[in-house]
Protein backbone atom coordinates (compact mmCIF):
# COMPACT_ATOMS: atom_id res chain seq x y z
CA MET A 1 2.48 267.89 60.88
CA LYS A 2 -1.22 267.60 60.00
CA VAL A 3 -3.52 268.27 62.99
CA LEU A 4 -7.28 267.95 63.54
CA ASN A 5 -9.00 269.03 66.77
CA ILE A 6 -12.31 267.43 67.68
CA ALA A 7 -14.59 267.73 70.75
CA ILE A 8 -17.17 265.13 71.70
CA ILE A 9 -20.35 266.78 73.01
CA ALA A 10 -23.52 265.14 74.28
CA HIS A 11 -26.07 264.93 77.04
CA VAL A 12 -25.20 263.16 80.30
CA ASP A 13 -25.00 259.35 79.92
CA HIS A 14 -25.33 259.23 76.12
CA GLY A 15 -21.97 257.45 75.82
CA LYS A 16 -19.30 260.12 75.13
CA THR A 17 -16.59 258.68 77.34
CA THR A 18 -17.22 255.06 76.27
CA LEU A 19 -16.91 256.00 72.60
CA THR A 20 -13.75 258.00 73.35
CA ASP A 21 -12.25 254.82 74.88
CA PHE A 22 -12.59 253.01 71.55
CA LEU A 23 -11.37 256.00 69.51
CA LEU A 24 -8.20 255.91 71.62
CA ARG A 25 -7.82 252.12 71.40
CA GLN A 26 -8.35 251.94 67.64
CA GLY A 27 -6.22 255.05 67.14
CA GLY A 28 -3.22 253.34 68.76
CA ALA A 29 -3.13 255.40 71.95
CA PHE A 30 -2.29 252.31 74.04
CA THR A 31 0.42 249.70 73.67
CA GLU A 32 -0.47 246.00 73.47
CA ARG A 33 0.77 245.40 77.02
CA GLU A 34 -0.98 248.40 78.53
CA GLU A 35 -3.93 247.56 80.75
CA VAL A 36 -6.83 249.90 79.97
CA ALA A 37 -9.74 250.56 82.34
CA GLU A 38 -13.25 251.30 81.11
CA CYS A 39 -14.10 255.02 80.73
CA VAL A 40 -10.36 255.73 80.85
CA MET A 41 -10.98 259.47 80.32
CA ASP A 42 -12.94 259.63 83.60
CA SER A 43 -9.74 259.73 85.64
CA ASN A 44 -11.22 261.51 88.67
CA ALA A 45 -12.50 259.21 91.49
CA LEU A 46 -15.80 261.11 91.67
CA GLU A 47 -16.29 260.76 87.90
CA ARG A 48 -15.88 256.99 88.14
CA GLU A 49 -18.30 256.70 91.06
CA ARG A 50 -21.00 258.85 89.50
CA GLY A 51 -20.49 257.75 85.90
CA ILE A 52 -20.37 261.36 84.65
CA THR A 53 -17.68 263.59 83.18
CA ILE A 54 -16.96 266.60 85.42
CA LEU A 55 -13.81 268.06 83.84
CA SER A 56 -13.01 268.31 80.14
CA LYS A 57 -9.87 266.35 79.24
CA ASN A 58 -7.47 266.17 76.34
CA ALA A 59 -6.04 263.16 74.54
CA SER A 60 -4.66 262.53 71.05
CA ILE A 61 -4.31 259.73 68.52
CA ARG A 62 -2.40 259.38 65.26
CA TYR A 63 -4.40 257.90 62.40
CA ASP A 64 -3.19 257.74 58.78
CA GLY A 65 -0.42 260.25 59.48
CA VAL A 66 -2.74 262.84 61.06
CA LYS A 67 -2.67 263.83 64.72
CA ILE A 68 -6.22 264.03 66.05
CA ASN A 69 -6.62 265.91 69.35
CA ILE A 70 -9.76 264.66 71.12
CA VAL A 71 -11.46 266.63 73.90
CA ASP A 72 -14.00 264.81 76.09
CA THR A 73 -16.47 267.35 77.53
CA PRO A 74 -18.91 267.30 80.47
CA GLY A 75 -22.58 266.82 79.58
CA HIS A 76 -24.11 268.43 82.66
CA ALA A 77 -25.26 272.05 82.37
CA ASP A 78 -23.51 272.97 85.66
CA PHE A 79 -20.23 272.53 83.75
CA GLY A 80 -21.46 274.32 80.64
CA SER A 81 -18.72 276.96 80.84
CA GLU A 82 -16.19 274.11 80.37
CA VAL A 83 -17.93 273.04 77.14
CA GLU A 84 -18.16 276.55 75.72
CA ARG A 85 -14.45 277.20 76.21
CA VAL A 86 -13.44 273.86 74.74
CA LEU A 87 -15.39 274.59 71.55
CA LYS A 88 -13.07 277.54 70.88
CA MET A 89 -10.16 275.09 70.46
CA VAL A 90 -11.65 272.65 67.93
CA ASP A 91 -12.30 272.34 64.19
CA SER A 92 -15.45 270.24 64.53
CA VAL A 93 -17.59 268.42 67.08
CA LEU A 94 -19.00 264.93 67.26
CA LEU A 95 -22.57 265.45 68.49
CA LEU A 96 -23.55 262.21 70.19
CA VAL A 97 -27.29 261.44 70.53
CA ASP A 98 -28.93 258.39 72.10
CA ALA A 99 -30.81 256.31 69.48
CA LYS A 100 -33.82 255.99 71.82
CA GLU A 101 -33.93 259.22 73.85
CA GLY A 102 -33.02 261.65 71.07
CA PRO A 103 -31.88 265.23 71.80
CA MET A 104 -32.10 266.18 75.51
CA PRO A 105 -31.68 269.57 77.30
CA GLN A 106 -27.89 269.44 77.46
CA THR A 107 -27.76 268.30 73.81
CA LYS A 108 -29.56 271.50 72.90
CA PHE A 109 -27.31 273.53 75.23
CA VAL A 110 -23.97 272.32 73.80
CA LEU A 111 -25.21 272.28 70.19
CA LYS A 112 -26.43 275.88 70.45
CA LYS A 113 -22.95 276.96 71.62
CA SER A 114 -21.17 275.13 68.76
CA LEU A 115 -23.52 276.38 66.02
CA ALA A 116 -23.05 279.96 67.23
CA LEU A 117 -19.29 279.54 66.71
CA GLY A 118 -19.85 278.44 63.09
CA ILE A 119 -18.77 274.83 63.71
CA ARG A 120 -20.15 272.13 61.38
CA PRO A 121 -20.96 269.11 63.59
CA ILE A 122 -20.87 265.41 62.72
CA VAL A 123 -23.95 263.70 64.20
CA LEU A 124 -23.41 260.30 65.83
CA VAL A 125 -26.54 258.29 66.62
CA ASN A 126 -25.26 256.07 69.42
CA LYS A 127 -26.64 252.89 71.07
CA ILE A 128 -28.39 251.67 67.90
CA ASP A 129 -28.27 248.14 69.42
CA LYS A 130 -30.93 249.07 72.00
CA HIS A 131 -34.08 246.99 71.57
CA ASP A 132 -36.25 250.13 71.49
CA ALA A 133 -33.84 252.24 69.38
CA ARG A 134 -35.48 254.53 66.80
CA PRO A 135 -32.51 255.97 64.85
CA ASP A 136 -34.56 257.35 61.91
CA ASP A 137 -36.88 259.28 64.23
CA VAL A 138 -33.90 260.58 66.21
CA VAL A 139 -32.18 261.87 63.03
CA ASN A 140 -35.38 263.81 62.20
CA MET A 141 -35.49 265.19 65.75
CA VAL A 142 -31.85 266.30 65.48
CA PHE A 143 -32.55 268.00 62.14
CA ASP A 144 -35.54 269.84 63.68
CA LEU A 145 -33.30 270.92 66.58
CA PHE A 146 -30.68 272.29 64.15
CA VAL A 147 -33.41 274.30 62.39
CA ALA A 148 -34.84 275.58 65.70
CA LEU A 149 -31.36 276.75 66.76
CA GLY A 150 -30.87 278.73 63.55
CA ALA A 151 -28.29 276.51 61.82
CA THR A 152 -27.00 277.68 58.43
CA ASN A 153 -27.59 275.63 55.26
CA GLU A 154 -23.99 274.43 55.47
CA GLN A 155 -24.47 273.29 59.09
CA LEU A 156 -27.77 271.57 58.22
CA ASP A 157 -25.90 269.40 55.70
CA PHE A 158 -24.39 267.34 58.52
CA PRO A 159 -23.00 263.82 58.00
CA ILE A 160 -24.60 261.03 60.08
CA VAL A 161 -22.74 258.05 61.52
CA TYR A 162 -24.48 255.26 63.45
CA THR A 163 -22.48 253.83 66.34
CA ILE A 164 -22.47 251.19 69.06
CA GLY A 165 -20.05 252.95 71.42
CA ARG A 166 -19.57 250.08 73.90
CA GLN A 167 -18.49 247.76 71.06
CA GLY A 168 -16.41 250.32 69.14
CA ILE A 169 -18.47 249.96 65.93
CA ALA A 170 -19.50 252.69 63.46
CA LYS A 171 -21.61 252.55 60.27
CA LYS A 172 -22.43 255.11 57.59
CA ASN A 173 -25.74 253.34 56.91
CA LEU A 174 -27.79 251.17 59.28
CA THR A 175 -27.63 248.20 56.90
CA ASP A 176 -23.81 248.26 56.55
CA GLU A 177 -21.59 245.58 58.08
CA SER A 178 -18.83 246.91 60.33
CA THR A 179 -16.48 245.72 63.08
CA ASP A 180 -14.64 248.94 63.99
CA LEU A 181 -14.72 252.75 63.89
CA LYS A 182 -13.11 253.09 60.45
CA PRO A 183 -16.29 254.64 58.91
CA LEU A 184 -16.17 257.33 61.62
CA PHE A 185 -12.50 258.14 60.96
CA GLU A 186 -13.25 258.34 57.21
CA THR A 187 -16.14 260.74 57.89
CA ILE A 188 -13.92 262.94 60.08
CA PHE A 189 -11.23 263.19 57.36
CA SER A 190 -13.73 263.93 54.57
CA HIS A 191 -15.82 266.44 56.57
CA VAL A 192 -13.31 268.36 58.72
CA LYS A 193 -11.08 270.85 56.95
CA GLN A 194 -7.43 270.44 57.95
CA TYR A 195 -5.71 273.42 59.51
CA ASP A 196 -3.87 275.75 57.15
CA GLU A 197 -0.18 274.90 57.70
CA SER A 198 0.91 278.25 56.22
CA LYS A 199 -0.35 279.94 59.42
CA THR A 200 2.79 278.64 61.15
CA GLN A 201 4.65 281.52 59.48
CA ASP A 202 2.34 284.18 61.02
CA PRO A 203 3.02 285.98 64.36
CA LEU A 204 2.18 283.88 67.43
CA GLN A 205 -1.42 283.84 68.67
CA MET A 206 -2.53 281.28 71.28
CA GLN A 207 -5.82 281.72 73.14
CA ILE A 208 -6.23 280.19 76.62
CA ALA A 209 -9.43 278.15 76.83
CA ASN A 210 -8.82 276.03 79.94
CA LEU A 211 -6.68 276.02 83.08
CA ALA A 212 -4.69 273.48 85.09
CA TYR A 213 -2.56 273.84 88.19
CA ASP A 214 0.71 272.21 89.23
CA GLU A 215 2.35 272.70 92.63
CA TYR A 216 5.79 272.99 90.99
CA VAL A 217 5.16 275.18 87.93
CA GLY A 218 2.00 277.00 89.11
CA ARG A 219 -0.93 277.86 86.89
CA ILE A 220 -0.97 276.30 83.41
CA GLY A 221 -2.90 277.75 80.48
CA ILE A 222 -4.33 275.26 77.95
CA GLY A 223 -5.30 276.41 74.49
CA ARG A 224 -4.82 276.16 70.76
CA VAL A 225 -2.01 277.77 68.81
CA ILE A 226 -4.08 279.78 66.30
CA ALA A 227 -1.06 281.13 64.41
CA GLY A 228 2.74 280.93 64.52
CA SER A 229 4.58 278.63 66.93
CA VAL A 230 5.60 278.71 70.58
CA LYS A 231 8.87 277.40 72.11
CA VAL A 232 10.16 276.67 75.59
CA GLY A 233 12.17 279.68 76.86
CA GLN A 234 10.53 282.05 74.37
CA GLN A 235 9.82 285.61 75.55
CA VAL A 236 6.13 286.39 74.86
CA THR A 237 3.50 289.05 75.50
CA LEU A 238 0.25 288.11 77.28
CA CYS A 239 -2.85 290.16 76.34
CA LYS A 240 -4.86 290.30 79.58
CA ARG A 241 -8.61 290.24 80.15
CA ASP A 242 -8.64 293.87 81.30
CA GLY A 243 -6.94 295.12 78.11
CA THR A 244 -3.41 295.43 79.55
CA THR A 245 -0.34 293.44 78.40
CA VAL A 246 2.34 291.60 80.40
CA ASN A 247 5.67 290.25 79.14
CA GLY A 248 6.98 286.90 80.34
CA LYS A 249 8.76 283.68 79.43
CA VAL A 250 7.36 280.25 78.56
CA SER A 251 8.94 278.06 81.26
CA LYS A 252 7.27 274.75 80.28
CA LEU A 253 5.36 273.55 77.22
CA PHE A 254 3.18 270.42 77.14
CA SER A 255 1.33 268.49 74.46
CA TRP A 256 -0.70 265.24 74.47
CA GLU A 257 0.26 261.86 73.07
CA GLY A 258 -2.49 259.33 73.78
CA LEU A 259 -3.61 260.09 77.32
CA HIS A 260 -0.20 261.29 78.46
CA GLN A 261 0.77 264.93 78.83
CA LEU A 262 4.37 265.24 77.64
CA GLU A 263 6.86 268.09 77.68
CA VAL A 264 7.68 269.29 74.15
CA PRO A 265 10.22 271.86 72.91
CA GLU A 266 7.83 273.55 70.44
CA ALA A 267 4.16 273.60 69.36
CA PHE A 268 2.88 274.75 65.96
CA ALA A 269 -0.27 276.39 64.57
CA GLY A 270 -3.31 274.12 64.83
CA ASP A 271 -2.08 272.06 67.80
CA ILE A 272 -3.49 272.13 71.35
CA CYS A 273 -0.86 272.63 74.05
CA ALA A 274 -0.36 273.86 77.60
CA VAL A 275 2.00 276.68 78.65
CA ALA A 276 3.44 277.57 82.07
CA GLY A 277 5.25 280.73 83.07
CA PHE A 278 2.47 283.20 83.97
CA SER A 279 1.10 283.13 87.54
CA GLU A 280 -2.02 285.15 86.67
CA ILE A 281 -2.96 283.69 83.26
CA THR A 282 -6.71 283.09 82.86
CA ILE A 283 -9.46 282.12 80.40
CA GLY A 284 -9.75 284.07 77.14
CA GLU A 285 -6.32 285.74 77.27
CA THR A 286 -4.00 285.58 74.25
CA VAL A 287 -0.30 284.64 74.24
CA CYS A 288 1.44 286.65 71.47
CA GLU A 289 4.92 287.29 70.13
CA LEU A 290 6.98 289.66 72.25
CA GLY A 291 6.01 293.25 71.48
CA LYS A 292 3.32 292.21 68.95
CA PRO A 293 0.05 292.07 70.93
CA LEU A 294 -2.73 290.66 68.71
CA PRO A 295 -5.53 289.80 71.19
CA LEU A 296 -8.31 287.48 70.01
CA PRO A 297 -12.00 288.14 70.93
CA MET A 298 -12.46 287.41 74.65
CA ILE A 299 -14.23 284.21 75.73
CA GLU A 300 -17.26 284.99 77.89
CA ILE A 301 -17.63 282.96 81.10
CA ASP A 302 -21.16 282.06 82.30
CA GLU A 303 -22.20 283.83 85.50
CA PRO A 304 -22.98 281.78 88.64
CA THR A 305 -26.67 281.13 89.41
CA LEU A 306 -26.46 279.70 92.94
CA GLU A 307 -24.65 280.75 96.14
CA MET A 308 -24.12 279.36 99.63
CA ASN A 309 -22.06 280.19 102.69
CA PHE A 310 -19.02 278.01 103.51
CA LEU A 311 -18.39 278.37 107.25
CA VAL A 312 -15.90 277.06 109.79
CA ASN A 313 -17.46 274.10 111.61
CA ASN A 314 -18.47 275.20 115.13
CA SER A 315 -20.61 272.22 116.18
CA PRO A 316 -19.88 270.33 119.45
CA PHE A 317 -18.15 267.63 117.36
CA ALA A 318 -15.88 270.11 115.52
CA GLY A 319 -12.27 268.98 115.01
CA LYS A 320 -12.91 265.32 115.85
CA GLU A 321 -12.90 263.90 112.31
CA GLY A 322 -11.07 266.33 110.00
CA LYS A 323 -7.52 267.63 109.59
CA PHE A 324 -8.34 271.08 108.18
CA VAL A 325 -10.76 273.03 110.37
CA THR A 326 -9.75 276.72 110.49
CA THR A 327 -10.67 279.78 108.40
CA ARG A 328 -7.12 279.86 107.01
CA HIS A 329 -7.41 276.25 105.81
CA LEU A 330 -10.76 277.08 104.19
CA ARG A 331 -9.39 280.18 102.44
CA ASP A 332 -6.30 278.36 101.13
CA ARG A 333 -8.45 275.56 99.69
CA LEU A 334 -10.88 277.95 97.99
CA ASP A 335 -7.95 279.98 96.58
CA ARG A 336 -6.53 276.77 95.12
CA GLU A 337 -9.91 275.91 93.57
CA LEU A 338 -10.12 279.37 91.98
CA GLN A 339 -6.85 278.63 90.11
CA THR A 340 -8.72 276.27 87.75
CA ASN A 341 -12.46 276.56 88.48
CA VAL A 342 -13.41 279.78 86.67
CA GLY A 343 -17.17 279.20 87.13
CA LEU A 344 -16.69 279.83 90.87
CA LYS A 345 -16.74 283.12 92.80
CA VAL A 346 -15.64 283.59 96.42
CA GLU A 347 -16.37 286.59 98.68
CA GLU A 348 -15.57 287.13 102.35
CA LEU A 349 -18.50 287.12 104.77
CA GLY A 350 -18.69 290.13 107.04
CA GLY A 351 -19.08 289.23 110.72
CA ALA A 352 -18.75 285.46 110.28
CA GLU A 353 -15.91 282.97 109.93
CA GLY A 354 -16.46 281.91 106.37
CA TYR A 355 -17.02 282.80 102.71
CA LYS A 356 -19.88 283.24 100.26
CA VAL A 357 -19.25 280.82 97.37
CA SER A 358 -21.19 281.17 94.10
CA GLY A 359 -21.35 278.48 91.41
CA ARG A 360 -23.21 277.27 88.35
CA GLY A 361 -25.61 274.98 90.21
CA GLU A 362 -26.13 272.41 92.96
CA LEU A 363 -23.95 269.78 91.30
CA HIS A 364 -21.12 272.26 90.69
CA LEU A 365 -20.99 273.22 94.39
CA SER A 366 -21.63 269.73 95.80
CA ILE A 367 -18.71 268.30 93.75
CA LEU A 368 -16.42 270.91 95.35
CA LEU A 369 -17.74 270.05 98.84
CA GLU A 370 -17.34 266.31 98.24
CA ASN A 371 -13.73 266.80 97.11
CA MET A 372 -13.01 268.94 100.18
CA ARG A 373 -14.57 266.34 102.47
CA ARG A 374 -12.37 263.60 101.00
CA GLU A 375 -9.28 265.76 101.42
CA GLY A 376 -9.89 266.01 105.19
CA TYR A 377 -11.77 269.31 105.52
CA GLU A 378 -14.49 270.01 108.10
CA ILE A 379 -16.99 272.62 107.02
CA GLN A 380 -20.60 273.67 107.50
CA VAL A 381 -22.71 275.19 104.73
CA SER A 382 -25.97 277.11 104.52
CA LYS A 383 -28.94 276.47 102.26
CA PRO A 384 -28.18 277.14 98.55
CA GLU A 385 -29.77 280.43 97.44
CA VAL A 386 -30.54 281.47 93.87
CA ILE A 387 -28.77 284.65 92.63
CA MET A 388 -31.36 287.21 91.51
CA LYS A 389 -30.80 290.09 89.09
CA LYS A 390 -32.49 293.41 88.43
CA ALA A 391 -33.70 294.46 84.98
CA ALA A 392 -33.14 297.98 83.66
CA ASN A 393 -36.78 298.83 84.45
CA GLY A 394 -36.38 297.61 88.06
CA ASP A 395 -38.08 294.20 87.63
CA LYS A 396 -36.69 291.34 89.72
CA LEU A 397 -35.23 288.59 87.49
CA GLU A 398 -34.47 284.97 88.40
CA PRO A 399 -32.75 282.08 86.56
CA ILE A 400 -35.14 279.73 84.74
CA GLU A 401 -34.31 276.13 83.78
CA GLN A 402 -35.57 274.11 80.86
CA VAL A 403 -36.77 270.74 82.20
CA ILE A 404 -37.52 267.54 80.27
CA ILE A 405 -39.20 264.72 82.21
CA ASN A 406 -39.94 261.19 81.03
CA VAL A 407 -42.23 259.15 83.32
CA PRO A 408 -44.60 256.18 83.11
CA GLU A 409 -48.01 257.54 82.10
CA ASN A 410 -49.67 256.84 85.49
CA PHE A 411 -47.20 259.16 87.30
CA ALA A 412 -47.61 262.14 84.93
CA GLY A 413 -50.52 263.75 86.84
CA THR A 414 -48.61 263.77 90.14
CA ILE A 415 -45.49 265.33 88.57
CA ILE A 416 -47.56 268.00 86.78
CA GLU A 417 -49.20 268.89 90.11
CA ARG A 418 -45.82 269.05 91.94
CA LEU A 419 -44.17 271.24 89.28
CA GLY A 420 -47.23 273.52 89.20
CA LYS A 421 -46.69 274.26 92.92
CA ARG A 422 -43.05 275.08 92.12
CA ARG A 423 -44.09 277.72 89.55
CA GLY A 424 -43.33 275.51 86.56
CA GLU A 425 -44.93 276.29 83.18
CA MET A 426 -45.55 273.41 80.76
CA THR A 427 -44.39 273.97 77.17
CA ASN A 428 -44.99 270.51 75.63
CA MET A 429 -46.37 267.06 76.49
CA VAL A 430 -46.29 263.82 74.44
CA THR A 431 -47.45 260.32 75.44
CA GLU A 432 -46.06 257.28 73.58
CA ASN A 433 -46.00 253.57 74.46
CA GLY A 434 -47.16 254.11 78.04
CA HIS A 435 -44.54 256.82 78.76
CA THR A 436 -45.15 260.57 78.96
CA THR A 437 -42.53 263.17 78.02
CA ILE A 438 -43.21 266.61 79.51
CA GLU A 439 -41.28 269.83 78.83
CA TYR A 440 -41.31 272.63 81.39
CA THR A 441 -39.70 275.93 82.24
CA VAL A 442 -39.14 276.04 86.01
CA PRO A 443 -37.37 278.57 88.29
CA THR A 444 -33.99 277.25 89.49
CA ARG A 445 -35.12 277.69 93.12
CA GLY A 446 -38.17 275.51 92.34
CA LEU A 447 -35.87 272.61 91.42
CA ILE A 448 -33.90 272.74 94.68
CA GLY A 449 -35.06 269.67 96.59
CA PHE A 450 -37.23 268.41 93.72
CA ARG A 451 -35.02 265.54 92.53
CA SER A 452 -35.44 263.41 95.68
CA GLU A 453 -39.20 264.10 95.67
CA PHE A 454 -39.32 263.16 91.97
CA ILE A 455 -37.54 259.83 92.57
CA THR A 456 -39.98 258.97 95.40
CA GLU A 457 -43.10 259.93 93.43
CA THR A 458 -42.07 257.98 90.30
CA LYS A 459 -40.74 255.01 92.32
CA GLY A 460 -37.35 255.48 90.60
CA GLU A 461 -38.79 254.99 87.10
CA GLY A 462 -38.71 258.62 85.96
CA ILE A 463 -35.95 260.51 84.12
CA LEU A 464 -35.39 264.18 84.98
CA ASP A 465 -33.06 266.47 82.99
CA HIS A 466 -32.65 270.22 83.19
CA SER A 467 -30.35 272.99 81.98
CA PHE A 468 -30.16 276.76 82.48
CA LEU A 469 -32.34 278.61 79.97
CA GLU A 470 -32.30 282.35 80.78
CA TYR A 471 -33.19 284.99 83.35
CA GLN A 472 -36.92 285.85 83.44
CA ILE A 473 -39.24 287.94 85.65
CA HIS A 474 -39.58 286.52 89.19
CA ARG A 475 -42.49 284.06 89.35
CA GLY A 476 -43.52 284.54 92.99
CA ASP A 477 -43.10 282.59 96.22
CA ILE A 478 -42.49 278.84 96.20
CA PRO A 479 -43.18 276.65 99.27
CA HIS A 480 -40.05 274.63 100.09
CA ARG A 481 -40.36 272.03 102.87
CA LEU A 482 -43.83 271.23 104.16
CA ASN A 483 -42.73 269.18 107.19
CA GLY A 484 -40.87 270.17 110.34
CA VAL A 485 -37.89 268.25 111.75
CA MET A 486 -37.06 266.26 114.87
CA ILE A 487 -34.20 267.91 116.79
CA SER A 488 -32.10 266.20 119.42
CA GLY A 489 -32.41 267.94 122.80
CA GLU A 490 -29.53 265.94 124.31
CA THR A 491 -25.91 265.04 123.57
CA GLY A 492 -24.93 261.34 123.66
CA GLU A 493 -25.41 258.03 121.84
CA THR A 494 -28.79 257.16 120.34
CA MET A 495 -30.67 254.19 121.87
CA GLY A 496 -32.92 251.79 120.00
CA TYR A 497 -35.57 252.07 122.72
CA SER A 498 -36.05 255.83 122.26
CA LEU A 499 -35.80 255.70 118.44
CA TYR A 500 -38.47 252.96 118.37
CA ASN A 501 -40.93 255.39 119.96
CA LEU A 502 -39.77 258.35 117.83
CA GLN A 503 -40.22 256.61 114.48
CA GLU A 504 -43.99 256.85 114.97
CA ARG A 505 -43.59 260.65 114.87
CA GLY A 506 -41.94 260.77 111.43
CA THR A 507 -38.96 259.55 109.38
CA LEU A 508 -35.58 259.05 111.07
CA PHE A 509 -32.27 259.98 109.43
CA ILE A 510 -30.08 258.00 111.86
CA GLY A 511 -30.06 254.56 113.51
CA ALA A 512 -29.14 253.30 116.98
CA GLY A 513 -25.61 253.73 118.37
CA VAL A 514 -24.97 257.07 116.61
CA HIS A 515 -23.41 260.00 118.49
CA VAL A 516 -25.65 263.08 118.40
CA TYR A 517 -25.50 266.55 119.95
CA GLU A 518 -28.08 269.07 121.13
CA GLY A 519 -29.47 270.93 118.11
CA MET A 520 -28.68 268.16 115.60
CA ILE A 521 -31.52 267.17 113.23
CA ILE A 522 -32.22 263.42 113.53
CA GLY A 523 -35.36 263.06 111.41
CA GLU A 524 -38.37 264.59 109.67
CA HIS A 525 -41.47 265.28 111.74
CA SER A 526 -44.78 264.06 110.29
CA ARG A 527 -46.32 267.50 110.98
CA ASP A 528 -45.34 271.00 109.92
CA ASN A 529 -43.71 272.05 113.23
CA ASP A 530 -40.24 271.29 114.63
CA LEU A 531 -40.10 268.87 117.56
CA THR A 532 -37.32 268.66 120.17
CA VAL A 533 -36.86 265.03 121.26
CA ASN A 534 -34.63 262.83 123.43
CA PRO A 535 -33.06 260.10 121.26
CA ILE A 536 -30.59 258.86 123.93
CA LYS A 537 -33.11 257.65 126.54
CA GLY A 538 -32.74 253.95 127.42
CA LYS A 539 -35.26 251.58 129.01
CA LYS A 540 -35.20 251.58 132.81
CA LEU A 541 -34.10 248.11 134.00
CA THR A 542 -35.51 246.40 137.12
CA ASN A 543 -34.88 242.99 138.65
CA MET A 544 -38.56 242.10 138.37
CA ARG A 545 -39.95 241.23 134.93
CA ALA A 546 -43.29 239.81 133.84
CA SER A 547 -43.03 237.25 131.05
CA GLY A 548 -43.94 238.67 127.64
CA SER A 549 -43.72 242.31 128.79
CA ASP A 550 -40.68 243.04 126.59
CA GLU A 551 -41.41 243.60 122.93
CA ALA A 552 -38.74 243.08 120.26
CA ILE A 553 -37.58 246.51 119.09
CA ARG A 554 -37.74 246.74 115.31
CA LEU A 555 -36.37 249.95 113.80
CA VAL A 556 -37.32 251.06 110.30
CA THR A 557 -34.25 251.58 108.06
CA PRO A 558 -33.38 255.30 108.39
CA ARG A 559 -33.42 257.58 105.35
CA GLU A 560 -29.80 258.10 104.28
CA MET A 561 -29.06 261.80 103.83
CA THR A 562 -26.30 262.07 101.23
CA LEU A 563 -24.54 265.38 100.69
CA GLU A 564 -26.77 266.37 97.73
CA LEU A 565 -29.98 265.34 99.53
CA ALA A 566 -28.92 267.27 102.65
CA LEU A 567 -28.22 270.45 100.62
CA GLU A 568 -31.64 270.16 98.97
CA TYR A 569 -33.41 269.44 102.25
CA ILE A 570 -32.28 272.16 104.67
CA GLU A 571 -34.11 275.43 105.36
CA THR A 572 -32.62 278.89 105.93
CA ASP A 573 -32.28 278.33 109.72
CA GLU A 574 -30.25 275.14 109.27
CA TYR A 575 -26.72 274.03 108.27
CA VAL A 576 -25.22 270.92 106.74
CA GLU A 577 -22.13 269.86 108.68
CA ILE A 578 -19.68 268.04 106.38
CA THR A 579 -16.71 266.04 107.71
CA PRO A 580 -14.52 263.30 106.19
CA LYS A 581 -16.67 260.66 107.93
CA ASN A 582 -20.18 262.12 108.28
CA THR A 583 -22.78 264.43 106.82
CA ARG A 584 -24.99 265.86 109.59
CA LEU A 585 -27.92 268.28 109.59
CA ARG A 586 -28.22 270.82 112.41
CA LYS A 587 -30.08 273.95 113.44
CA LYS A 588 -28.16 277.24 113.43
CA GLY A 589 -29.28 277.75 117.04
CA LEU A 590 -28.30 274.59 118.90
CA THR A 591 -30.32 275.14 122.10
CA GLU A 592 -34.08 275.63 122.42
CA ASN A 593 -33.49 279.12 123.85
CA ASP A 594 -31.23 280.11 120.91
CA ARG A 595 -33.90 279.04 118.42
CA LYS A 596 -36.68 280.90 120.26
CA ARG A 597 -34.53 284.04 120.46
CA SER A 598 -33.73 284.02 116.70
CA GLY A 599 -37.37 283.27 115.85
CA ARG A 600 -38.65 286.43 117.55
């Protein structure tokens, strides 16, 4: 059987998943009667809500007698380790670039990884139907990016296909007429070298590039059969990450047909499949023929850059909204996450009921917290902290992000000022058609809390993208939050009368009729100090009233603190309390005396 393996890589929101939909439809992955949702590869509820791909996924189509395995990859840098591993399984990549925006930070990130592996990409200029599309300029920008990333002459000779992903149309030239993706399939067949079928006769080598977990069969290793073939029931040798070998049996073998993962009796060289039978199998390990260990070069996994403490919820409202509230529940859930999420690290906290969890970034950790919340967990977490390193000469190193910002010209000065305070260094600035594009390198800790500030300052008209660049020398202190907070000094239900008077002191996070407890943060103070307030005080009623003495109470709409905003907002002496129904902010010390004692 002839097999081609292709990954689709791109920046967030450039149209990977939409184009994949049409590749599957036109490749016959669905029957005529099958009802197909939009962005069918985004099967996770969070992916559908946010419109982003979080987990890489496999699918396959059969076109002109060739099986094409398609891997849809995440575009966000927090899931970069997913992309890097996927690239080890494929023959080529479709590099998707927006016909207006051109290459963005994550485009550079994923392209750099694929070029380093010697892959020859096919460039797709997508969304050419946009009214302000500039496909010719974008092709030049992509070529310049290839050169800047050290592409070989062979890689620089990349084919270009112009697409309208949401209509399922591809063209080899902008002036061509087309109604489907046939030009793209033709380009794939002419550009991508088919796998050497003679390798099926060689000894088995299958490298694990991704993981899945099933309650019945345990951990599942997903990878490509580099050589030989693998069968159900076959005795094999697993070459481990630490250099040792373990013998075992393949209990289950899966392959993909369309979107469906099916059990198969055997998989051959070139195909992507999933094997079960090893409880401790992990990324980079090689499945070989029994007694013939031939390990492939190990796949490196990106180190975490951010950490936070996951603690058992001990607030006065603990246990009222969630099903899973103990340390044991928390440990079991994190252990289950570690089965598939290799970008995560978990350590026990000494002297506290909880764990230190390290991840690739804010989004990486907040996705985990959101999933836990939906599953019924109650948890409280500390402020995210950047993981520092030490250089050989003793210098303190910190993670630096590459940032690209596009804003209307009149907002550029404000954003430059804000990023300057966060130790950002400008590397490029271009103004075109009333919009300014600015490139920066900014410490990761300087971007914590910046997104919400950025949205406010640009009135929602700005675009902010960033990806991890490298570790550099520590750039000095960065001021985080300039304002103090309003803290409830009482436990009870908030009253409109008291909130009406408090809203003059700052911005409220809650409305009337909300249950609060002593030590809970209910708003932002307009000054730089914390203020303890009484939000549950009602108006004293008498049986004597003068006409016109009562004013209508009008409350300003409170600022909604979503999970991400809350994580960005808190300081080191505060927690975010996360339950299935609410996200609350609180002080570590709930009473005034506790806070004074810890502040000494």
